[in-house]
């Protein structure tokens, strides 16, 4: 067949398979090489049409593959894909989250990320008014990081991010190995593992922002939110690490049964009219088993550090507290790093391995909701921060206490 132009050749071949086009192109090549009377111009015109038709067929094939992929994902031709498990860590969810709280307009990609995060969250949590949104991962990490740098025991404790009512196995020191007589049978030992189950208690804080202030930038609002939540929600959790009762709240160090004497002694008491002495502090330190002492820290408030430990000397008249300005830490008492927490009473000192054996759990992060209803007449917007949390000693024998009695 002879074509008058390239368009005719393209229209003839465009609905044929790529294999048929390649076969015809090979035939044209043989004819040009073997037939001296061949119409080379017409054959070249036909080859150009075949080439254009082949490129068109390949482009359509790629488009079908892309469309098939998009139909099975959360991505649209104009956007990007998001995964349910990692959407909170994306920049699009973060900006969509804060723009929604501020009442700003979201881009298409921010809207998709935020809606996927809301959909994922609503599988486990929903309200009749506003859909609750979880803090972006970056923001939550920044809050936790700042909480760790502000001092206190919370920054020393072991953090978990797991569903509530699930037991955590905690290994404790077992019996030591024994010398073995060659070829003699040895009975196996059943290892006892302590299991700790975190409950779910609510920590809530409500704060208000005026409509004028809501027009601040996303970054400025995030900085404000970080400071507010750090000072309120996590400060409550930090207090609970010390004084939590375990009733409708986490369990603190004071839920441990402190025994002053006997085989189970884990505390040293000083009479109400007595003084903290080097001998009492050594007795206090000696109560902690060596296995727990590795990595242990001594916790007290600022007043206790200056009124008790600054003035105590050992038997060679050397101070037992050594400041450590080089590492920008507070210092050490008898080799144990000092942690300052003002939630601890004046005449109380704890020693233990908090990083391994005292834990707190934030299973769902911190959830933020906004509402205009309660403050409609004032022109302000209420924001509620809510988190499910728990804390408790994982192994109680990993902690010992030194304290002064309140009465004789």
Protein backbone atom coordinates (compact mmCIF):
# COMPACT_ATOMS: atom_id res chain seq x y z
CA UNK A 1 0.00 0.00 0.00
CA UNK A 2 1.31 3.41 -0.99
CA UNK A 3 0.68 6.46 1.21
CA UNK A 4 0.58 10.07 0.03
CA UNK A 5 1.85 11.52 3.33
CA UNK A 6 2.97 10.61 6.86
CA UNK A 7 -0.48 11.26 8.36
CA UNK A 8 -2.04 8.57 6.15
CA UNK A 9 0.59 6.05 7.21
CA UNK A 10 0.11 6.99 10.89
CA UNK A 11 -3.67 6.57 10.71
CA UNK A 12 -3.29 3.20 8.99
CA UNK A 13 -0.90 1.75 11.58
CA UNK A 14 -2.00 3.48 14.84
CA UNK A 15 -4.54 0.77 15.75
CA UNK A 16 -2.21 -2.12 14.96
CA UNK A 17 -0.04 -3.89 17.50
CA UNK A 18 3.57 -2.86 18.08
CA UNK A 19 4.68 -6.31 16.91
CA UNK A 20 2.93 -5.83 13.51
CA UNK A 21 4.51 -2.39 13.12
CA UNK A 22 7.99 -3.78 13.84
CA UNK A 23 7.42 -6.61 11.39
CA UNK A 24 6.40 -4.19 8.59
CA UNK A 25 9.37 -1.92 9.33
CA UNK A 26 11.73 -4.92 8.96
CA UNK A 27 10.12 -5.78 5.64
CA UNK A 28 10.61 -2.22 4.37
CA UNK A 29 14.26 -2.38 5.36
CA UNK A 30 14.80 -5.61 3.39
CA UNK A 31 13.00 -4.21 0.35
CA UNK A 32 15.19 -1.07 0.29
CA UNK A 33 18.35 -3.20 0.59
CA UNK A 34 17.41 -5.85 -2.01
CA UNK A 35 15.29 -4.01 -4.60
CA UNK A 36 17.15 -1.44 -6.67
CA UNK A 37 13.85 -0.22 -8.22
CA UNK A 38 12.11 0.33 -4.86
CA UNK A 39 10.35 3.69 -4.30
CA UNK A 40 12.62 4.80 -1.45
CA UNK A 41 10.82 8.10 -0.82
CA UNK A 42 7.44 6.39 -0.39
CA UNK A 43 8.93 3.69 1.83
CA UNK A 44 10.66 6.29 4.02
CA UNK A 45 7.36 8.17 4.35
CA UNK A 46 5.69 4.91 5.46
CA UNK A 47 8.52 4.27 7.98
CA UNK A 48 7.94 7.73 9.52
CA UNK A 49 4.25 6.97 9.92
CA UNK A 50 5.05 3.60 11.55
CA UNK A 51 7.49 5.28 13.94
CA UNK A 52 4.91 7.89 15.03
CA UNK A 53 2.22 5.23 15.45
CA UNK A 54 4.58 3.08 17.55
CA UNK A 55 5.45 6.01 19.85
CA UNK A 56 1.76 6.82 20.25
CA UNK A 57 0.96 3.21 21.20
CA UNK A 58 3.77 3.14 23.80
CA UNK A 59 2.57 6.41 25.38
CA UNK A 60 -0.97 5.09 25.69
CA UNK A 61 0.34 1.89 27.30
CA UNK A 62 2.28 3.87 29.94
CA UNK A 63 -0.81 5.97 30.70
CA UNK A 64 -2.90 2.83 31.29
CA UNK A 65 -0.30 1.48 33.77
CA UNK A 66 -0.23 4.80 35.67
CA UNK A 67 -4.04 4.95 35.85
CA UNK A 68 -4.21 1.37 37.09
CA UNK A 69 -1.71 2.18 39.84
CA UNK A 70 -3.56 5.33 40.90
CA UNK A 71 -6.88 3.51 41.17
CA UNK A 72 -5.38 1.21 43.82
CA UNK A 73 -3.76 3.92 45.94
CA UNK A 74 -4.52 7.18 47.78
CA UNK A 75 -2.92 9.21 44.98
CA UNK A 76 -4.57 11.24 42.25
CA UNK A 77 -2.95 12.25 38.92
CA UNK A 78 -2.36 15.73 40.38
CA UNK A 79 -1.06 14.61 43.80
CA UNK A 80 1.04 12.20 45.81
CA UNK A 81 0.29 9.07 47.76
CA UNK A 82 -0.03 8.79 51.55
CA UNK A 83 0.14 5.73 53.74
CA UNK A 84 -2.25 5.29 56.67
CA UNK A 85 0.51 4.31 59.06
CA UNK A 86 2.89 7.19 58.28
CA UNK A 87 0.59 10.05 57.26
CA UNK A 88 1.05 11.83 60.64
CA UNK A 89 4.77 12.19 59.90
CA UNK A 90 4.27 13.96 56.55
CA UNK A 91 4.78 17.67 56.05
CA UNK A 92 1.41 17.86 54.24
CA UNK A 93 -0.47 16.50 57.27
CA UNK A 94 1.40 18.85 59.59
CA UNK A 95 0.56 21.97 57.59
CA UNK A 96 -3.02 20.75 57.02
CA UNK A 97 -3.44 20.11 60.75
CA UNK A 98 -2.42 23.61 61.83
CA UNK A 99 -4.18 25.36 58.95
CA UNK A 100 -7.41 23.58 59.95
CA UNK A 101 -7.05 24.73 63.57
CA UNK A 102 -6.37 28.28 62.41
CA UNK A 103 -9.18 28.28 59.85
CA UNK A 104 -6.83 28.74 56.88
CA UNK A 105 -7.53 27.29 53.44
CA UNK A 106 -5.87 23.94 52.66
CA UNK A 107 -4.30 22.96 49.37
CA UNK A 108 -5.58 19.80 47.65
CA UNK A 109 -2.64 17.69 48.80
CA UNK A 110 -2.89 19.01 52.39
CA UNK A 111 -6.61 18.25 52.40
CA UNK A 112 -6.04 14.66 51.27
CA UNK A 113 -3.35 14.06 53.90
CA UNK A 114 -5.42 15.60 56.69
CA UNK A 115 -8.58 13.72 55.72
CA UNK A 116 -6.67 10.42 55.63
CA UNK A 117 -5.31 11.17 59.13
CA UNK A 118 -8.82 11.98 60.38
CA UNK A 119 -10.19 8.82 58.78
CA UNK A 120 -7.47 6.72 60.43
CA UNK A 121 -8.03 8.37 63.80
CA UNK A 122 -11.82 7.99 63.61
CA UNK A 123 -11.45 4.22 63.42
CA UNK A 124 -10.79 4.40 67.17
CA UNK A 125 -12.09 7.82 68.23
CA UNK A 126 -14.80 10.23 67.17
CA UNK A 127 -17.00 12.93 68.59
CA UNK A 128 -20.46 14.19 67.76
CA UNK A 129 -19.16 17.66 66.92
CA UNK A 130 -15.62 17.92 65.59
CA UNK A 131 -13.40 15.15 64.32
CA UNK A 132 -10.37 14.93 66.56
CA UNK A 133 -6.94 15.27 64.97
CA UNK A 134 -3.75 13.78 66.31
CA UNK A 135 -0.72 16.02 66.68
CA UNK A 136 1.71 15.65 63.77
CA UNK A 137 4.62 13.37 64.59
CA UNK A 138 7.17 16.16 64.24
CA UNK A 139 5.27 18.38 66.68
CA UNK A 140 4.78 15.60 69.24
CA UNK A 141 8.47 14.70 69.05
CA UNK A 142 9.36 18.35 69.61
CA UNK A 143 7.14 18.48 72.70
CA UNK A 144 8.73 15.31 74.11
CA UNK A 145 12.22 16.59 73.29
CA UNK A 146 11.60 19.88 75.07
CA UNK A 147 10.09 18.03 78.02
CA UNK A 148 13.31 16.04 78.31
CA UNK A 149 15.43 19.20 78.32
CA UNK A 150 13.36 21.04 80.93
CA UNK A 151 14.58 18.70 83.68
CA UNK A 152 12.59 16.41 85.89
CA UNK A 153 12.12 12.67 86.02
CA UNK A 154 9.91 12.46 82.94
CA UNK A 155 12.94 13.10 80.76
CA UNK A 156 14.72 10.16 82.39
CA UNK A 157 11.91 7.61 82.20
CA UNK A 158 11.38 4.92 79.60
CA UNK A 159 8.74 5.90 77.03
CA UNK A 160 6.25 3.55 75.36
CA UNK A 161 3.80 4.05 72.50
CA UNK A 162 1.60 0.95 72.66
CA UNK A 163 -2.10 0.12 73.13
CA UNK A 164 -3.39 0.08 76.69
CA UNK A 165 -4.16 -3.12 78.62
CA UNK A 166 -1.23 -4.93 76.98
CA UNK A 167 1.31 -6.57 79.27
CA UNK A 168 4.97 -5.67 78.86
CA UNK A 169 7.40 -8.42 79.87
CA UNK A 170 10.22 -7.07 82.03
CA UNK A 171 13.23 -9.25 82.79
CA UNK A 172 14.50 -9.25 86.37
CA UNK A 173 17.71 -10.75 87.80
CA UNK A 174 17.43 -14.53 88.22
CA UNK A 175 19.53 -17.12 90.03
CA UNK A 176 23.15 -17.45 88.98
CA UNK A 177 24.61 -20.40 87.09
CA UNK A 178 26.22 -23.29 88.97
CA UNK A 179 29.39 -25.30 88.52
CA UNK A 180 28.69 -28.43 86.53
CA UNK A 181 30.05 -31.95 86.92
CA UNK A 182 30.99 -33.38 83.55
CA UNK A 183 28.21 -35.51 81.98
CA UNK A 184 25.90 -34.98 84.98
CA UNK A 185 22.27 -34.04 84.15
CA UNK A 186 21.11 -30.47 84.93
CA UNK A 187 17.48 -29.59 85.60
CA UNK A 188 16.10 -26.74 83.54
CA UNK A 189 14.80 -23.65 85.32
CA UNK A 190 11.53 -21.89 84.64
CA UNK A 191 12.30 -18.22 84.19
CA UNK A 192 9.86 -15.88 85.92
CA UNK A 193 9.24 -12.73 83.91
CA UNK A 194 7.47 -9.75 85.47
CA UNK A 195 4.62 -8.44 83.31
CA UNK A 196 3.44 -4.82 83.53
CA UNK A 197 0.15 -3.67 82.00
CA UNK A 198 -0.43 0.01 81.23
CA UNK A 199 -3.95 1.33 81.79
CA UNK A 200 -5.51 4.30 80.01
CA UNK A 201 -6.14 7.52 81.96
CA UNK A 202 -7.11 10.90 80.50
CA UNK A 203 -5.08 14.09 80.82
CA UNK A 204 -6.95 17.13 79.50
CA UNK A 205 -6.27 20.85 79.11
CA UNK A 206 -8.53 23.52 77.55
CA UNK A 207 -7.15 26.87 76.41
CA UNK A 208 -8.61 29.73 74.35
CA UNK A 209 -7.27 31.92 71.56
CA UNK A 210 -8.92 35.08 70.23
CA UNK A 211 -9.97 35.34 66.59
CA UNK A 212 -7.31 38.01 66.09
CA UNK A 213 -4.52 35.79 67.34
CA UNK A 214 -5.79 32.90 65.20
CA UNK A 215 -4.52 34.77 62.13
CA UNK A 216 -0.93 34.07 63.15
CA UNK A 217 1.27 31.96 60.91
CA UNK A 218 1.36 28.17 61.02
CA UNK A 219 4.90 28.09 62.45
CA UNK A 220 4.06 30.66 65.14
CA UNK A 221 0.95 28.73 66.16
CA UNK A 222 2.90 25.46 66.31
CA UNK A 223 5.50 27.08 68.60
CA UNK A 224 2.74 28.35 70.87
CA UNK A 225 1.05 24.95 70.95
CA UNK A 226 4.33 23.20 71.80
CA UNK A 227 4.94 25.49 74.75
CA UNK A 228 1.36 25.25 76.00
CA UNK A 229 1.19 21.47 75.83
CA UNK A 230 4.64 20.99 77.28
CA UNK A 231 3.82 23.18 80.27
CA UNK A 232 0.37 21.67 80.88
CA UNK A 233 -0.08 18.08 79.70
CA UNK A 234 3.46 16.78 80.16
CA UNK A 235 3.97 18.68 83.40
CA UNK A 236 1.00 16.76 84.79
CA UNK A 237 2.59 13.51 83.67
CA UNK A 238 5.91 14.55 85.24
CA UNK A 239 4.18 15.19 88.58
CA UNK A 240 2.45 11.81 88.35
CA UNK A 241 5.81 10.04 87.97
CA UNK A 242 6.57 11.15 91.54
CA UNK A 243 3.22 11.41 93.32
CA UNK A 244 0.69 9.53 91.16
CA UNK A 245 -1.72 7.51 93.29
CA UNK A 246 -2.72 4.93 90.67
CA UNK A 247 -6.42 5.81 91.19
CA UNK A 248 -7.80 7.38 87.97
CA UNK A 249 -4.21 8.41 87.20
CA UNK A 250 -0.79 6.90 86.74
CA UNK A 251 1.21 5.26 89.52
CA UNK A 252 4.20 7.20 90.83
CA UNK A 253 7.18 6.33 92.97
CA UNK A 254 5.09 6.76 96.11
CA UNK A 255 2.96 3.73 95.19
CA UNK A 256 5.98 1.55 95.97
CA UNK A 257 5.82 -0.03 99.41
CA UNK A 258 8.75 1.53 101.26
CA UNK A 259 10.15 -0.72 104.01
CA UNK A 260 12.55 0.67 106.63
CA UNK A 261 13.95 -2.60 107.97
CA UNK A 262 14.15 -6.35 107.49
CA UNK A 263 15.05 -8.51 104.50
CA UNK A 264 12.93 -6.41 102.14
CA UNK A 265 14.31 -3.04 103.25
CA UNK A 266 14.35 -0.50 100.44
CA UNK A 267 14.23 2.80 102.37
CA UNK A 268 16.23 4.68 105.00
CA UNK A 269 14.34 6.95 107.38
CA UNK A 270 15.87 9.83 109.30
CA UNK A 271 14.17 11.04 112.47
CA UNK A 272 12.25 14.29 112.24
CA UNK A 273 14.78 16.01 114.50
CA UNK A 274 17.74 14.20 112.93
CA UNK A 275 20.15 15.21 110.18
CA UNK A 276 21.26 13.78 106.85
CA UNK A 277 24.72 12.29 107.45
CA UNK A 278 27.33 10.61 105.32
CA UNK A 279 26.67 7.28 107.06
CA UNK A 280 22.92 7.46 106.33
CA UNK A 281 23.52 8.29 102.68
CA UNK A 282 25.96 5.38 102.31
CA UNK A 283 23.37 3.07 103.92
CA UNK A 284 20.76 4.41 101.48
CA UNK A 285 22.97 3.76 98.43
CA UNK A 286 23.88 0.28 99.67
CA UNK A 287 20.22 -0.82 99.48
CA UNK A 288 20.22 -0.74 95.68
CA UNK A 289 21.30 -4.02 94.12
CA UNK A 290 24.37 -3.85 91.94
CA UNK A 291 22.49 -4.93 88.82
CA UNK A 292 20.19 -1.92 89.10
CA UNK A 293 22.94 0.50 90.13
CA UNK A 294 24.44 0.47 86.63
CA UNK A 295 22.74 3.45 84.99
CA UNK A 296 20.97 4.56 88.18
CA UNK A 297 20.44 8.25 89.00
CA UNK A 298 19.67 10.14 92.20
CA UNK A 299 16.52 12.31 92.10
CA UNK A 300 15.71 15.20 94.47
CA UNK A 301 14.45 18.76 94.35
CA UNK A 302 16.69 21.80 94.09
CA UNK A 303 16.38 22.66 97.79
CA UNK A 304 17.53 19.20 98.86
CA UNK A 305 20.59 19.41 96.63
CA UNK A 306 21.80 22.68 98.16
CA UNK A 307 20.73 22.20 101.79
CA UNK A 308 21.69 18.54 102.18
CA UNK A 309 24.37 17.36 99.79
CA UNK A 310 26.44 20.52 99.31
CA UNK A 311 27.53 20.49 102.95
CA UNK A 312 28.17 16.76 103.52
CA UNK A 313 31.75 15.46 103.52
CA UNK A 314 32.99 11.87 103.44
CA UNK A 315 35.40 10.32 105.97
CA UNK A 316 38.37 11.97 104.23
CA UNK A 317 36.71 15.41 104.31
CA UNK A 318 35.94 15.43 100.62
CA UNK A 319 32.49 16.61 99.40
CA UNK A 320 30.22 13.77 98.30
CA UNK A 321 28.63 16.04 95.68
CA UNK A 322 30.84 16.86 92.70
CA UNK A 323 29.58 19.47 90.26
CA UNK A 324 30.10 18.67 86.58
CA UNK A 325 30.04 21.91 84.53
CA UNK A 326 32.07 20.32 81.73
CA UNK A 327 29.20 18.08 80.57
CA UNK A 328 26.61 20.78 81.38
CA UNK A 329 24.98 18.39 83.84
CA UNK A 330 24.21 19.07 87.50
CA UNK A 331 26.81 16.77 88.96
CA UNK A 332 27.12 13.51 90.87
CA UNK A 333 26.61 12.26 94.41
CA UNK A 334 28.85 9.27 95.24
CA UNK A 335 29.21 8.67 91.51
CA UNK A 336 25.47 8.78 90.69
CA UNK A 337 24.24 11.54 88.32
CA UNK A 338 21.76 13.95 89.93
CA UNK A 339 18.29 14.67 88.49
CA UNK A 340 16.42 17.72 89.79
CA UNK A 341 12.61 17.48 89.96
CA UNK A 342 10.73 20.08 91.99
CA UNK A 343 7.76 17.73 92.35
CA UNK A 344 9.80 15.78 94.92
CA UNK A 345 9.39 16.85 98.56
CA UNK A 346 12.19 18.75 100.30
CA UNK A 347 13.51 15.93 102.47
CA UNK A 348 13.10 13.04 100.04
CA UNK A 349 15.68 11.45 97.72
CA UNK A 350 15.15 8.57 95.27
CA UNK A 351 17.81 6.39 93.68
CA UNK A 352 17.07 4.07 90.78
CA UNK A 353 17.42 3.18 87.13
CA UNK A 354 14.57 5.26 85.69
CA UNK A 355 15.56 4.79 82.05
CA UNK A 356 14.91 1.03 82.23
CA UNK A 357 12.55 0.36 85.11
CA UNK A 358 10.11 3.28 85.22
CA UNK A 359 7.93 3.80 82.17
CA UNK A 360 5.19 6.03 80.80
CA UNK A 361 2.88 5.24 77.90
CA UNK A 362 1.26 7.58 75.33
CA UNK A 363 -0.67 5.15 73.08
CA UNK A 364 -2.35 7.74 70.82
CA UNK A 365 -0.20 10.83 71.21
CA UNK A 366 -2.04 14.09 72.02
CA UNK A 367 -5.40 14.78 70.37
CA UNK A 368 -6.43 18.36 69.61
CA UNK A 369 -10.00 19.60 69.05
CA UNK A 370 -11.33 23.11 68.48
CA UNK A 371 -14.75 24.63 69.19
CA UNK A 372 -16.38 28.07 68.89
CA UNK A 373 -19.58 27.16 70.71
CA UNK A 374 -18.72 27.75 74.37
CA UNK A 375 -17.03 31.13 73.75
CA UNK A 376 -19.18 32.42 70.90
CA UNK A 377 -20.06 35.68 72.68
CA UNK A 378 -16.43 36.39 73.54
CA UNK A 379 -15.05 35.97 70.03
CA UNK A 380 -12.55 33.34 71.07
CA UNK A 381 -11.92 29.76 69.99
CA UNK A 382 -11.45 26.99 72.54
CA UNK A 383 -8.83 24.32 71.98
CA UNK A 384 -8.80 21.08 73.94
CA UNK A 385 -5.72 18.92 74.32
CA UNK A 386 -6.46 15.36 75.40
CA UNK A 387 -4.16 12.39 75.75
CA UNK A 388 -4.50 8.89 77.12
CA UNK A 389 -1.53 8.10 79.32
CA UNK A 390 -0.25 5.97 82.17
CA UNK A 391 2.98 5.60 84.11
CA UNK A 392 4.29 3.20 86.73
CA UNK A 393 7.39 1.53 88.14
CA UNK A 394 8.15 -1.48 85.95
CA UNK A 395 10.31 -3.19 88.59
CA UNK A 396 9.80 -1.84 92.11
CA UNK A 397 13.02 -3.29 93.55
CA UNK A 398 15.00 -1.10 91.16
CA UNK A 399 14.35 1.93 93.41
CA UNK A 400 15.30 2.93 96.94
CA UNK A 401 14.33 5.95 99.05
CA UNK A 402 15.94 8.24 101.64
CA UNK A 403 13.62 10.53 103.59
CA UNK A 404 13.10 12.39 106.83
CA UNK A 405 10.11 11.55 109.00
CA UNK A 406 7.50 14.30 109.37
CA UNK A 407 7.06 13.64 113.10
CA UNK A 408 8.83 11.79 115.90
